[in-house]
PDB file of N, CA and C in Angstrom:
ATOM      1  N   MET A   1      96.966 109.129 111.344  1.00  0.00           N
ATOM      2  CA  MET A   1      96.751 109.205 109.580  1.00  0.00           C
ATOM      3  C   MET A   1      95.330 109.985 109.606  1.00  0.00           C
ATOM      4  N   THR A   2      95.639 111.467 109.151  1.00  0.00           N
ATOM      5  CA  THR A   2      94.851 111.891 108.768  1.00  0.00           C
ATOM      6  C   THR A   2      94.090 111.657 107.167  1.00  0.00           C
ATOM      7  N   PRO A   3      93.025 111.765 107.077  1.00  0.00           N
ATOM      8  CA  PRO A   3      92.279 112.149 106.054  1.00  0.00           C
ATOM      9  C   PRO A   3      92.621 113.481 105.152  1.00  0.00           C
ATOM     10  N   GLY A   4      92.740 112.772 103.797  1.00  0.00           N
ATOM     11  CA  GLY A   4      93.809 113.828 103.104  1.00  0.00           C
ATOM     12  C   GLY A   4      92.421 113.979 102.270  1.00  0.00           C
ATOM     13  N   VAL A   5      92.658 115.551 101.166  1.00  0.00           N
ATOM     14  CA  VAL A   5      91.408 116.225 100.187  1.00  0.00           C
ATOM     15  C   VAL A   5      92.265 116.065  98.692  1.00  0.00           C
ATOM     16  N   LEU A   6      90.674 115.478  98.132  1.00  0.00           N
ATOM     17  CA  LEU A   6      90.438 114.828  96.907  1.00  0.00           C
ATOM     18  C   LEU A   6      90.871 115.919  96.233  1.00  0.00           C
ATOM     19  N   ALA A   7      91.700 115.960  95.567  1.00  0.00           N
ATOM     20  CA  ALA A   7      91.910 116.665  93.340  1.00  0.00           C
ATOM     21  C   ALA A   7      91.772 116.714  93.126  1.00  0.00           C
ATOM     22  N   LYS A   8      91.120 117.769  92.000  1.00  0.00           N
ATOM     23  CA  LYS A   8      90.433 117.681  90.583  1.00  0.00           C
ATOM     24  C   LYS A   8      91.307 117.104  89.524  1.00  0.00           C
ATOM     25  N   PRO A   9      91.257 115.891  88.687  1.00  0.00           N
ATOM     26  CA  PRO A   9      92.733 116.172  87.312  1.00  0.00           C
ATOM     27  C   PRO A   9      92.783 116.539  87.017  1.00  0.00           C
ATOM     28  N   GLU A  10      92.336 118.220  86.666  1.00  0.00           N
ATOM     29  CA  GLU A  10      93.033 119.051  85.844  1.00  0.00           C
ATOM     30  C   GLU A  10      94.228 120.213  86.848  1.00  0.00           C
ATOM     31  N   GLU A  11      94.003 119.692  88.636  1.00  0.00           N
ATOM     32  CA  GLU A  11      94.636 120.221  88.868  1.00  0.00           C
ATOM     33  C   GLU A  11      96.417 119.292  89.666  1.00  0.00           C
ATOM     34  N   LEU A  12      96.250 118.564  88.846  1.00  0.00           N
ATOM     35  CA  LEU A  12      97.115 117.701  89.408  1.00  0.00           C
ATOM     36  C   LEU A  12      98.555 117.342  87.881  1.00  0.00           C
ATOM     37  N   SER A  13      99.339 117.771  88.352  1.00  0.00           N
ATOM     38  CA  SER A  13     100.634 118.486  87.723  1.00  0.00           C
ATOM     39  C   SER A  13     100.519 116.478  86.960  1.00  0.00           C
ATOM     40  N   LYS A  14     101.022 117.107  85.400  1.00  0.00           N
ATOM     41  CA  LYS A  14     100.880 115.654  83.935  1.00  0.00           C
ATOM     42  C   LYS A  14     101.701 114.601  84.492  1.00  0.00           C
ATOM     43  N   ASN A  15     102.884 114.774  85.158  1.00  0.00           N
ATOM     44  CA  ASN A  15     103.886 113.972  86.300  1.00  0.00           C
ATOM     45  C   ASN A  15     102.751 113.469  86.805  1.00  0.00           C
ATOM     46  N   THR A  16     102.313 114.101  88.005  1.00  0.00           N
ATOM     47  CA  THR A  16     101.072 112.976  88.612  1.00  0.00           C
ATOM     48  C   THR A  16     100.526 112.559  87.929  1.00  0.00           C
ATOM     49  N   LEU A  17      99.869 112.650  86.944  1.00  0.00           N
ATOM     50  CA  LEU A  17      98.972 111.987  86.719  1.00  0.00           C
ATOM     51  C   LEU A  17      99.780 110.834  85.870  1.00  0.00           C
ATOM     52  N   ARG A  18     101.009 110.979  85.140  1.00  0.00           N
ATOM     53  CA  ARG A  18     101.170 109.758  84.914  1.00  0.00           C
ATOM     54  C   ARG A  18     101.712 108.363  85.429  1.00  0.00           C
ATOM     55  N   MET A  19     102.210 109.019  86.608  1.00  0.00           N
ATOM     56  CA  MET A  19     102.554 108.335  87.812  1.00  0.00           C
ATOM     57  C   MET A  19     101.302 107.364  87.916  1.00  0.00           C
ATOM     58  N   ILE A  20     100.103 107.670  88.182  1.00  0.00           N
ATOM     59  CA  ILE A  20      98.969 107.842  88.527  1.00  0.00           C
ATOM     60  C   ILE A  20      98.273 106.165  87.861  1.00  0.00           C
ATOM     61  N   TYR A  21      98.288 107.203  86.140  1.00  0.00           N
ATOM     62  CA  TYR A  21      97.714 106.198  85.078  1.00  0.00           C
ATOM     63  C   TYR A  21      98.692 105.019  84.984  1.00  0.00           C
ATOM     64  N   SER A  22     100.119 105.546  85.225  1.00  0.00           N
ATOM     65  CA  SER A  22     101.092 104.188  85.530  1.00  0.00           C
ATOM     66  C   SER A  22     101.288 102.748  86.412  1.00  0.00           C
ATOM     67  N   SER A  23     100.915 103.767  87.274  1.00  0.00           N
ATOM     68  CA  SER A  23     100.347 103.363  88.559  1.00  0.00           C
ATOM     69  C   SER A  23      98.827 101.247  88.190  1.00  0.00           C
ATOM     70  N   VAL A  24      98.106 102.404  87.355  1.00  0.00           N
ATOM     71  CA  VAL A  24      96.761 101.938  87.926  1.00  0.00           C
ATOM     72  C   VAL A  24      97.147 100.934  86.743  1.00  0.00           C
ATOM     73  N   ASP A  25      97.903 101.308  85.653  1.00  0.00           N
ATOM     74  CA  ASP A  25      97.738  99.967  84.702  1.00  0.00           C
ATOM     75  C   ASP A  25      98.510  99.223  84.447  1.00  0.00           C
ATOM     76  N   ASN A  26      99.683  98.762  85.737  1.00  0.00           N
ATOM     77  CA  ASN A  26     100.772  97.909  85.676  1.00  0.00           C
ATOM     78  C   ASN A  26      99.764  96.667  86.737  1.00  0.00           C
ATOM     79  N   LEU A  27      98.566  97.559  88.001  1.00  0.00           N
ATOM     80  CA  LEU A  27      98.156  96.966  88.450  1.00  0.00           C
ATOM     81  C   LEU A  27      97.009  95.813  87.844  1.00  0.00           C
ATOM     82  N   LYS A  28      96.180  96.606  87.433  1.00  0.00           N
ATOM     83  CA  LYS A  28      95.485  95.967  86.611  1.00  0.00           C
ATOM     84  C   LYS A  28      96.465  94.107  85.379  1.00  0.00           C
ATOM     85  N   LYS A  29      97.890  95.217  84.713  1.00  0.00           N
ATOM     86  CA  LYS A  29      98.262  94.188  84.262  1.00  0.00           C
ATOM     87  C   LYS A  29      98.952  92.915  85.672  1.00  0.00           C
ATOM     88  N   GLY A  30      98.703  93.120  86.674  1.00  0.00           N
ATOM     89  CA  GLY A  30      99.119  91.874  87.754  1.00  0.00           C
ATOM     90  C   GLY A  30     100.307  92.556  88.334  1.00  0.00           C
ATOM     91  N   LYS A  31     101.447  93.543  88.014  1.00  0.00           N
ATOM     92  CA  LYS A  31     102.293  93.866  88.102  1.00  0.00           C
ATOM     93  C   LYS A  31     102.084  94.534  89.166  1.00  0.00           C
ATOM     94  N   THR A  32     101.882  94.378  90.662  1.00  0.00           N
ATOM     95  CA  THR A  32     102.421  94.673  91.920  1.00  0.00           C
ATOM     96  C   THR A  32     103.358  93.971  92.962  1.00  0.00           C
ATOM     97  N   GLY A  33     103.858  94.511  93.764  1.00  0.00           N
ATOM     98  CA  GLY A  33     104.777  93.975  94.949  1.00  0.00           C
ATOM     99  C   GLY A  33     104.150  92.651  95.962  1.00  0.00           C
ATOM    100  N   LYS A  34     104.974  92.418  96.793  1.00  0.00           N
ATOM    101  CA  LYS A  34     104.160  91.398  98.023  1.00  0.00           C
ATOM    102  C   LYS A  34     103.227  92.445  98.553  1.00  0.00           C
ATOM    103  N   ALA A  35     102.611  91.647  99.322  1.00  0.00           N
ATOM    104  CA  ALA A  35     101.547  91.966 100.436  1.00  0.00           C
ATOM    105  C   ALA A  35     102.385  92.795 101.914  1.00  0.00           C
ATOM    106  N   VAL A  36     102.217  93.940 102.488  1.00  0.00           N
ATOM    107  CA  VAL A  36     103.239  94.554 103.525  1.00  0.00           C
ATOM    108  C   VAL A  36     102.377  93.902 104.163  1.00  0.00           C
ATOM    109  N   ASP A  37     103.187  93.461 105.779  1.00  0.00           N
ATOM    110  CA  ASP A  37     103.120  93.119 106.791  1.00  0.00           C
ATOM    111  C   ASP A  37     102.707  94.198 108.171  1.00  0.00           C
ATOM    112  N   PHE A  38     102.213  94.721 107.699  1.00  0.00           N
ATOM    113  CA  PHE A  38     101.774  95.781 108.908  1.00  0.00           C
ATOM    114  C   PHE A  38     101.579  95.142 110.683  1.00  0.00           C
ATOM    115  N   GLU A  39     101.699  94.324 110.374  1.00  0.00           N
ATOM    116  CA  GLU A  39     102.201  93.509 112.001  1.00  0.00           C
ATOM    117  C   GLU A  39     103.243  94.744 112.717  1.00  0.00           C
ATOM    118  N   LYS A  40     104.216  94.361 112.168  1.00  0.00           N
ATOM    119  CA  LYS A  40     105.500  94.948 112.238  1.00  0.00           C
ATOM    120  C   LYS A  40     106.065  96.396 112.554  1.00  0.00           C
ATOM    121  N   TYR A  41     104.313  97.437 112.076  1.00  0.00           N
ATOM    122  CA  TYR A  41     104.340  98.536 112.302  1.00  0.00           C
ATOM    123  C   TYR A  41     102.924  98.755 113.623  1.00  0.00           C
ATOM    124  N   CYS A  42     102.958  98.101 113.670  1.00  0.00           N
ATOM    125  CA  CYS A  42     101.774  98.326 114.895  1.00  0.00           C
ATOM    126  C   CYS A  42     101.875  99.240 115.234  1.00  0.00           C
ATOM    127  N   ASP A  43     103.154  99.278 116.547  1.00  0.00           N
ATOM    128  CA  ASP A  43     103.687 100.191 116.985  1.00  0.00           C
ATOM    129  C   ASP A  43     103.200 101.363 116.658  1.00  0.00           C
ATOM    130  N   TYR A  44     103.440 101.770 114.867  1.00  0.00           N
ATOM    131  CA  TYR A  44     103.918 103.264 114.848  1.00  0.00           C
ATOM    132  C   TYR A  44     101.997 103.938 114.177  1.00  0.00           C
ATOM    133  N   LEU A  45     101.689 102.558 114.264  1.00  0.00           N
ATOM    134  CA  LEU A  45      99.753 103.086 113.661  1.00  0.00           C
ATOM    135  C   LEU A  45      99.287 103.197 114.803  1.00  0.00           C
ATOM    136  N   LYS A  46      99.592 103.440 115.685  1.00  0.00           N
ATOM    137  CA  LYS A  46      98.419 103.441 116.464  1.00  0.00           C
ATOM    138  C   LYS A  46      98.079 104.831 116.577  1.00  0.00           C
ATOM    139  N   ASP A  47      97.294 105.289 116.968  1.00  0.00           N
ATOM    140  CA  ASP A  47      96.739 106.138 117.689  1.00  0.00           C
ATOM    141  C   ASP A  47      96.986 106.927 119.029  1.00  0.00           C
ATOM    142  N   GLU A  48      97.810 108.513 119.037  1.00  0.00           N
ATOM    143  CA  GLU A  48      97.887 108.332 119.979  1.00  0.00           C
ATOM    144  C   GLU A  48      96.827 108.810 120.827  1.00  0.00           C
ATOM    145  N   GLU A  49      96.567 108.521 122.159  1.00  0.00           N
ATOM    146  CA  GLU A  49      95.582 108.914 122.879  1.00  0.00           C
ATOM    147  C   GLU A  49      95.699 110.522 124.074  1.00  0.00           C
TER     148      GLU A  49
END
């Protein structure tokens, strides 16, 4: 994985901001999915040498 570039809020579309704010609101309300088990994805997450 490579680091992404952060964007200023005014550079994001209204739809993207709506989704971000909705996600944060759900997180604050405790509406979250189950934890992801990354063990089964280890082969895909390894850095290539």
